[in-house]
Protein backbone atom coordinates (compact mmCIF):
# COMPACT_ATOMS: atom_id res chain seq x y z
CA MET A 1 -60.15 -134.44 -17.46
CA ASN A 2 -63.30 -136.23 -16.24
CA ASP A 3 -65.21 -135.20 -19.39
CA LEU A 4 -62.34 -136.45 -21.56
CA PHE A 5 -62.29 -139.87 -19.91
CA ASP A 6 -66.08 -140.15 -19.86
CA SER A 7 -66.09 -139.53 -23.61
CA ALA A 8 -63.26 -142.02 -24.17
CA THR A 9 -65.05 -144.61 -22.02
CA LEU A 10 -68.23 -144.29 -24.06
CA LYS A 11 -66.33 -144.55 -27.35
CA LEU A 12 -64.44 -147.63 -26.19
CA THR A 13 -67.70 -149.12 -24.92
CA GLY A 14 -69.20 -148.56 -28.37
CA TRP A 15 -66.31 -150.35 -30.07
CA TYR A 16 -66.47 -153.28 -27.65
CA LEU A 17 -70.23 -153.54 -28.14
CA LEU A 18 -69.92 -153.30 -31.94
CA ILE A 19 -67.42 -156.18 -32.02
CA LEU A 20 -69.59 -158.23 -29.67
CA MET A 21 -72.75 -157.67 -31.74
CA MET A 22 -70.97 -158.48 -35.01
CA VAL A 23 -69.86 -161.81 -33.53
CA SER A 24 -73.32 -162.43 -32.11
CA LEU A 25 -75.09 -161.65 -35.43
CA LEU A 26 -72.64 -163.80 -37.37
CA PHE A 27 -73.19 -166.68 -34.97
CA SER A 28 -76.97 -166.13 -35.18
CA GLY A 29 -76.90 -166.21 -38.99
CA ILE A 30 -74.94 -169.48 -39.03
CA LEU A 31 -77.23 -170.98 -36.38
CA TYR A 32 -80.34 -169.89 -38.30
CA GLY A 33 -79.06 -171.49 -41.50
CA ILE A 34 -78.20 -174.77 -39.76
CA SER A 35 -81.56 -174.83 -37.95
CA SER A 36 -83.47 -174.22 -41.20
CA ASN A 37 -81.70 -177.10 -42.94
CA GLU A 38 -82.35 -179.43 -40.00
CA LEU A 39 -86.02 -178.45 -39.96
CA ARG A 40 -86.39 -179.07 -43.70
CA ARG A 41 -84.69 -182.44 -43.35
CA SER A 42 -86.84 -183.52 -40.39
CA LEU A 43 -90.10 -182.51 -42.14
CA ARG A 44 -89.50 -184.12 -45.54
CA ALA A 45 -92.17 -186.48 -47.00
CA PRO A 46 -92.09 -189.85 -45.18
CA GLY A 47 -93.01 -192.23 -48.01
CA GLN A 48 -91.44 -193.36 -51.29
CA THR A 49 -92.68 -195.32 -54.30
CA MET A 50 -90.86 -198.25 -55.76
CA LEU A 51 -89.41 -195.94 -58.40
CA GLY A 52 -87.75 -193.83 -55.66
CA LEU A 53 -90.15 -190.88 -55.98
CA PHE A 54 -91.76 -189.12 -53.04
CA VAL A 55 -95.50 -189.54 -52.78
CA GLU A 56 -97.08 -186.48 -51.17
CA ASN A 57 -100.50 -184.90 -51.67
CA ASP A 58 -101.26 -181.18 -51.50
CA ALA A 59 -102.58 -181.26 -47.94
CA ALA A 60 -99.49 -183.03 -46.64
CA ARG A 61 -97.25 -180.58 -48.49
CA GLU A 62 -99.06 -177.56 -47.07
CA LEU A 63 -98.89 -179.02 -43.54
CA ARG A 64 -95.17 -179.66 -43.90
CA GLU A 65 -94.52 -176.13 -45.19
CA SER A 66 -96.61 -174.68 -42.37
CA ARG A 67 -94.64 -176.59 -39.74
CA TYR A 68 -91.39 -175.59 -41.42
CA LYS A 69 -92.34 -171.88 -41.30
CA GLU A 70 -93.49 -172.18 -37.69
CA GLY A 71 -90.16 -173.77 -36.78
CA GLN A 72 -88.26 -171.03 -38.60
CA ALA A 73 -90.28 -168.38 -36.78
CA ARG A 74 -89.51 -169.95 -33.39
CA VAL A 75 -85.80 -170.12 -34.20
CA LEU A 76 -85.81 -166.53 -35.46
CA GLY A 77 -87.70 -165.37 -32.36
CA ASN A 78 -85.24 -167.09 -30.04
CA LEU A 79 -82.30 -165.58 -31.93
CA ILE A 80 -83.83 -162.11 -31.69
CA VAL A 81 -84.28 -162.52 -27.93
CA LEU A 82 -80.70 -163.79 -27.68
CA ASN A 83 -79.30 -160.81 -29.59
CA VAL A 84 -81.36 -158.27 -27.63
CA SER A 85 -80.15 -159.86 -24.39
CA THR A 86 -76.58 -159.78 -25.72
CA LEU A 87 -76.99 -156.11 -26.61
CA VAL A 88 -78.23 -155.20 -23.12
CA ALA A 89 -75.86 -157.38 -21.11
CA GLY A 90 -72.97 -156.72 -23.51
CA GLY A 91 -73.46 -152.98 -23.16
CA GLY A 92 -73.03 -153.19 -19.39
CA VAL A 93 -70.06 -155.54 -19.60
CA SER A 94 -68.45 -153.42 -22.34
CA TYR A 95 -68.79 -150.30 -20.20
CA LEU A 96 -67.16 -152.01 -17.22
CA LEU A 97 -64.34 -153.35 -19.42
CA ALA A 98 -63.81 -149.91 -20.96
CA ARG A 99 -63.54 -148.30 -17.52
CA ARG A 100 -61.15 -151.03 -16.39
CA THR A 101 -59.02 -150.61 -19.53
CA LEU A 102 -58.76 -146.83 -19.16
CA ARG A 103 -58.26 -146.82 -15.38
CA PRO A 104 -54.43 -147.11 -15.43
CA ILE A 105 -54.20 -144.34 -18.03
CA ARG A 106 -56.54 -142.15 -16.01
CA GLU A 107 -54.61 -142.74 -12.79
CA ALA A 108 -51.32 -142.02 -14.55
CA MET A 109 -52.65 -138.75 -15.97
CA GLU A 110 -54.07 -137.75 -12.59
CA VAL A 111 -50.69 -138.40 -10.97
CA GLN A 112 -48.97 -136.39 -13.72
CA SER A 113 -51.45 -133.55 -13.35
CA ARG A 114 -51.04 -133.53 -9.56
CA PHE A 115 -47.26 -133.65 -9.94
CA THR A 116 -47.30 -130.68 -12.35
CA SER A 117 -49.57 -128.71 -10.04
CA ASP A 118 -47.46 -129.45 -6.95
CA ALA A 119 -44.22 -128.69 -8.79
CA SER A 120 -45.61 -125.37 -9.99
CA HIS A 121 -46.67 -124.50 -6.45
CA GLU A 122 -43.24 -125.39 -5.03
CA LEU A 123 -41.51 -123.32 -7.72
CA ARG A 124 -43.79 -120.31 -7.21
CA THR A 125 -43.16 -120.12 -3.46
CA PRO A 126 -39.45 -119.13 -3.51
CA LEU A 127 -40.04 -116.88 -6.52
CA ALA A 128 -42.81 -115.07 -4.66
CA ILE A 129 -40.57 -114.65 -1.61
CA MET A 130 -37.73 -113.23 -3.73
CA ARG A 131 -40.05 -110.83 -5.56
CA SER A 132 -41.61 -109.60 -2.32
CA GLU A 133 -38.22 -109.01 -0.65
CA ILE A 134 -36.86 -107.18 -3.71
CA GLU A 135 -39.94 -104.95 -4.01
CA VAL A 136 -39.76 -104.05 -0.31
CA GLY A 137 -36.03 -103.35 -0.64
CA LEU A 138 -36.54 -101.06 -3.65
CA ARG A 139 -39.30 -99.09 -1.91
CA ASP A 140 -37.26 -98.60 1.27
CA LYS A 141 -35.51 -95.26 0.74
CA SER A 142 -33.65 -95.55 4.04
CA ALA A 143 -32.16 -98.98 3.29
CA THR A 144 -28.46 -99.27 4.05
CA LYS A 145 -25.71 -101.34 2.46
CA LYS A 146 -26.14 -103.89 5.26
CA ASP A 147 -29.86 -104.16 4.48
CA TYR A 148 -29.16 -104.83 0.81
CA LYS A 149 -26.54 -107.42 1.74
CA GLU A 150 -29.07 -109.26 3.91
CA LEU A 151 -31.58 -109.05 1.06
CA LEU A 152 -29.12 -110.59 -1.39
CA GLU A 153 -28.19 -113.33 1.09
CA SER A 154 -31.85 -114.16 1.54
CA ASN A 155 -32.33 -114.26 -2.22
CA LEU A 156 -29.32 -116.54 -2.55
CA ASP A 157 -30.94 -118.94 -0.08
CA GLU A 158 -34.09 -119.01 -2.22
CA VAL A 159 -32.01 -119.48 -5.40
CA GLU A 160 -30.31 -122.46 -3.75
CA ARG A 161 -33.70 -123.83 -2.80
CA LEU A 162 -34.83 -123.48 -6.42
CA ARG A 163 -31.68 -125.19 -7.66
CA GLU A 164 -32.15 -128.10 -5.26
CA LEU A 165 -35.80 -128.46 -6.25
CA SER A 166 -35.04 -128.35 -9.99
CA ASP A 167 -32.27 -130.95 -9.58
CA ARG A 168 -34.63 -133.29 -7.76
CA LEU A 169 -37.37 -132.81 -10.34
CA LEU A 170 -34.91 -133.63 -13.12
CA LEU A 171 -33.81 -136.74 -11.24
CA LEU A 172 -37.42 -137.89 -10.90
CA ALA A 173 -38.00 -137.35 -14.62
CA SER A 174 -34.76 -139.06 -15.63
CA GLU A 175 -34.94 -142.50 -17.27
CA ARG A 176 -31.20 -143.16 -17.31
CA GLU A 177 -29.92 -146.53 -16.16
CA LEU A 178 -27.53 -146.64 -13.24
CA PRO A 179 -24.24 -148.56 -13.66
CA LEU A 180 -24.15 -151.27 -10.97
CA ASP A 181 -21.08 -152.74 -9.33
CA THR A 182 -20.23 -154.97 -6.39
CA VAL A 183 -20.17 -152.75 -3.29
CA SER A 184 -20.35 -153.27 0.44
CA LEU A 185 -23.27 -152.09 2.56
CA ASP A 186 -20.91 -150.65 5.15
CA GLU A 187 -19.30 -148.48 2.43
CA ILE A 188 -22.74 -147.13 1.57
CA SER A 189 -23.62 -146.44 5.20
CA ILE A 190 -20.31 -144.70 5.97
CA GLU A 191 -20.65 -142.48 2.88
CA ALA A 192 -24.17 -141.49 3.95
CA LEU A 193 -23.18 -140.94 7.59
CA ASN A 194 -20.45 -138.50 6.56
CA ARG A 195 -23.12 -136.36 4.91
CA VAL A 196 -25.38 -136.07 8.00
CA ILE A 197 -22.82 -135.61 10.78
CA LYS A 198 -23.52 -131.89 11.22
CA PRO A 199 -27.35 -132.05 11.46
CA ALA A 200 -27.01 -135.02 13.86
CA GLN A 201 -24.61 -133.04 16.06
CA LEU A 202 -26.88 -129.97 16.04
CA LYS A 203 -29.79 -132.02 17.42
CA LYS A 204 -27.51 -134.11 19.68
CA ILE A 205 -28.83 -137.28 18.07
CA ASP A 206 -26.69 -140.39 18.38
CA VAL A 207 -26.42 -142.24 15.04
CA VAL A 208 -25.44 -145.88 15.60
CA ASN A 209 -23.95 -147.75 12.63
CA GLU A 210 -24.51 -151.53 12.88
CA VAL A 211 -24.08 -152.29 9.17
CA SER A 212 -22.02 -155.36 8.23
CA PRO A 213 -19.76 -155.62 5.15
CA ILE A 214 -22.38 -157.43 3.04
CA MET A 215 -21.64 -157.35 -0.69
CA VAL A 216 -24.50 -156.28 -2.99
CA ARG A 217 -25.04 -155.22 -6.61
CA ALA A 218 -25.50 -151.45 -6.44
CA ASN A 219 -24.33 -148.02 -7.47
CA LEU A 220 -22.37 -146.64 -4.50
CA GLU A 221 -23.18 -142.94 -5.00
CA ALA A 222 -26.85 -143.51 -5.78
CA MET A 223 -27.43 -145.83 -2.82
CA ALA A 224 -25.53 -143.45 -0.55
CA ASP A 225 -28.03 -140.79 -1.69
CA VAL A 226 -30.89 -143.11 -0.70
CA VAL A 227 -29.49 -143.79 2.78
CA THR A 228 -28.76 -140.07 3.18
CA VAL A 229 -32.42 -139.30 2.47
CA LEU A 230 -33.55 -141.89 5.03
CA LEU A 231 -31.09 -140.58 7.65
CA ASP A 232 -32.05 -136.98 6.93
CA ASN A 233 -35.73 -137.82 7.41
CA ALA A 234 -34.97 -139.71 10.62
CA LEU A 235 -33.06 -136.73 12.00
CA LYS A 236 -35.74 -134.22 10.98
CA TYR A 237 -38.59 -136.15 12.58
CA SER A 238 -36.76 -137.16 15.77
CA ASP A 239 -36.52 -135.23 19.01
CA GLU A 240 -33.21 -134.07 20.39
CA LYS A 241 -31.02 -136.54 22.33
CA THR A 242 -32.61 -139.61 20.73
CA THR A 243 -31.00 -142.42 18.72
CA VAL A 244 -31.07 -143.31 15.02
CA THR A 245 -29.79 -146.77 14.12
CA ILE A 246 -28.57 -148.16 10.80
CA HIS A 247 -28.47 -151.95 10.71
CA SER A 248 -28.23 -154.71 8.13
CA GLY A 249 -29.05 -158.35 7.58
CA VAL A 250 -29.47 -161.08 4.98
CA ARG A 251 -32.68 -162.86 4.03
CA GLY A 252 -32.49 -165.47 1.31
CA ARG A 253 -30.78 -163.94 -1.72
CA THR A 254 -31.35 -160.36 -0.61
CA ALA A 255 -29.53 -157.98 1.72
CA ILE A 256 -31.49 -155.61 3.97
CA LEU A 257 -30.28 -152.20 5.14
CA SER A 258 -32.61 -150.43 7.58
CA VAL A 259 -32.77 -147.01 9.22
CA THR A 260 -34.73 -146.86 12.49
CA ASP A 261 -35.59 -143.69 14.40
CA GLN A 262 -37.28 -142.92 17.72
CA GLY A 263 -39.53 -140.22 16.30
CA HIS A 264 -43.27 -139.77 16.52
CA GLY A 265 -44.07 -142.46 13.95
CA ILE A 266 -46.39 -142.38 10.97
CA GLU A 267 -50.17 -142.71 11.00
CA ALA A 268 -51.64 -145.74 9.21
CA ASP A 269 -53.53 -143.44 6.79
CA ASP A 270 -50.25 -141.81 5.72
CA LEU A 271 -48.25 -144.99 5.13
CA PRO A 272 -49.68 -145.81 1.63
CA ARG A 273 -48.74 -142.32 0.39
CA ILE A 274 -45.40 -141.86 2.13
CA PHE A 275 -43.47 -142.28 -1.15
CA ASP A 276 -45.73 -139.98 -3.21
CA ARG A 277 -44.14 -136.88 -4.70
CA PHE A 278 -44.55 -133.76 -2.55
CA TYR A 279 -46.37 -135.73 0.13
CA ARG A 280 -45.41 -134.76 3.67
CA VAL A 281 -46.79 -135.96 6.99
CA ASP A 282 -46.10 -132.88 9.08
CA GLY A 283 -48.90 -133.52 11.51
CA SER A 284 -48.36 -137.21 12.08
CA ARG A 285 -44.60 -137.39 12.51
CA SER A 286 -43.61 -134.10 14.05
CA ARG A 287 -44.99 -131.34 16.20
CA GLN A 288 -42.55 -128.87 14.65
CA HIS A 289 -42.22 -127.35 11.19
CA VAL A 290 -39.88 -129.36 8.95
CA GLU A 291 -38.24 -127.82 5.90
CA GLY A 292 -38.30 -129.70 2.60
CA HIS A 293 -40.18 -130.31 -0.62
CA GLY A 294 -41.53 -133.78 0.04
CA LEU A 295 -39.44 -135.24 -2.79
CA GLY A 296 -36.72 -137.09 -0.89
CA LEU A 297 -38.55 -140.38 -0.35
CA SER A 298 -39.92 -140.34 -3.92
CA ILE A 299 -36.38 -140.01 -5.26
CA ALA A 300 -35.12 -142.70 -2.87
CA LYS A 301 -37.79 -145.15 -4.00
CA ARG A 302 -37.07 -144.43 -7.66
CA ILE A 303 -33.36 -145.15 -7.18
CA VAL A 304 -34.09 -148.39 -5.31
CA ASP A 305 -36.52 -149.43 -8.06
CA GLN A 306 -33.77 -148.82 -10.63
CA HIS A 307 -31.64 -151.30 -8.67
CA GLY A 308 -34.41 -153.90 -8.88
CA GLY A 309 -34.82 -153.63 -5.10
CA GLN A 310 -37.56 -152.63 -2.68
CA LEU A 311 -37.99 -149.74 -0.24
CA ASN A 312 -40.49 -150.37 2.56
CA VAL A 313 -41.57 -148.64 5.75
CA GLN A 314 -42.93 -149.91 9.06
CA SER A 315 -44.20 -147.52 11.67
CA GLU A 316 -46.68 -146.94 14.48
CA PRO A 317 -47.62 -143.58 15.96
CA GLY A 318 -45.42 -142.83 18.94
CA ARG A 319 -43.02 -145.72 18.25
CA GLY A 320 -40.78 -144.34 15.51
CA ALA A 321 -40.32 -145.64 11.98
CA THR A 322 -38.10 -148.14 10.17
CA PHE A 323 -37.27 -147.75 6.47
CA SER A 324 -35.80 -150.88 4.90
CA ILE A 325 -33.93 -151.27 1.61
CA ARG A 326 -33.79 -154.72 -0.04
CA LEU A 327 -31.05 -155.35 -2.60
CA LEU A 328 -29.80 -158.45 -4.40
CA LEU A 329 -26.67 -160.03 -2.98
CA ALA A 330 -23.61 -159.96 -5.19
CA SER A 331 -23.01 -163.36 -6.77
């Protein structure tokens, strides 16, 4: 990819420089013509006879022509220096402009390449597990019906993992517009809470709902998915017997719904990448292994973006994290 963009940068630099030099040479030609006419006019014979004819001897004519040619040479020399300077300086500026022009395309392709690589890795992992378990099961001559049942159940778990991953990848790639309606933030929070009751009970985490009935423009199911992702993350990265709080507020023309946990927090270096696809901060937020693909927050941010809202995070190591959703108030 680097070779491709280096080549494209040089080609674009060449085009920029060609356009710049064409303009410079055209300007130089016009300037040379104007300067030559002005020189000829300023060096014309000074005297006239009564009949209106110029009176000029050979010596004066030769001197005038000599000065005219010297003036032309100076102008031409200055224009050559100007064009050489333009070529050198323009080449550098054109290269910088070409790099700046291609930078967004390069970054987009790098993100796409990284996404494809990460997706392939995530898809290979459950497939490799299934293949390994099946091969071991087929080689085991003493395997019983119970053993095969456990093997199939394990494979079903991996199939479910593959289905979940493929669904999330399709959602990330989808460009469909979400139908928006007037909904209440407390409806969204209650819908999301109903989905995370069991994992909260398993870890004995108290989920406190302080969301007010603030009306916003949103898609109920989609925003419930977003809050579910935020709650699921909060539960995963929090210790047992802690508290996760959902609260709301209004600022200007926007409503804010936030999820705050008492987990281990997020390191400053991880914050800029927290919404990247497949990015996970295992070391900074948790001392334990956390299952997942690292796609939840990416999907959540995409859904919020489709609403014309914002999804932000504030966190300090050891002091938990707060994820905040900003949505437009219903008119």
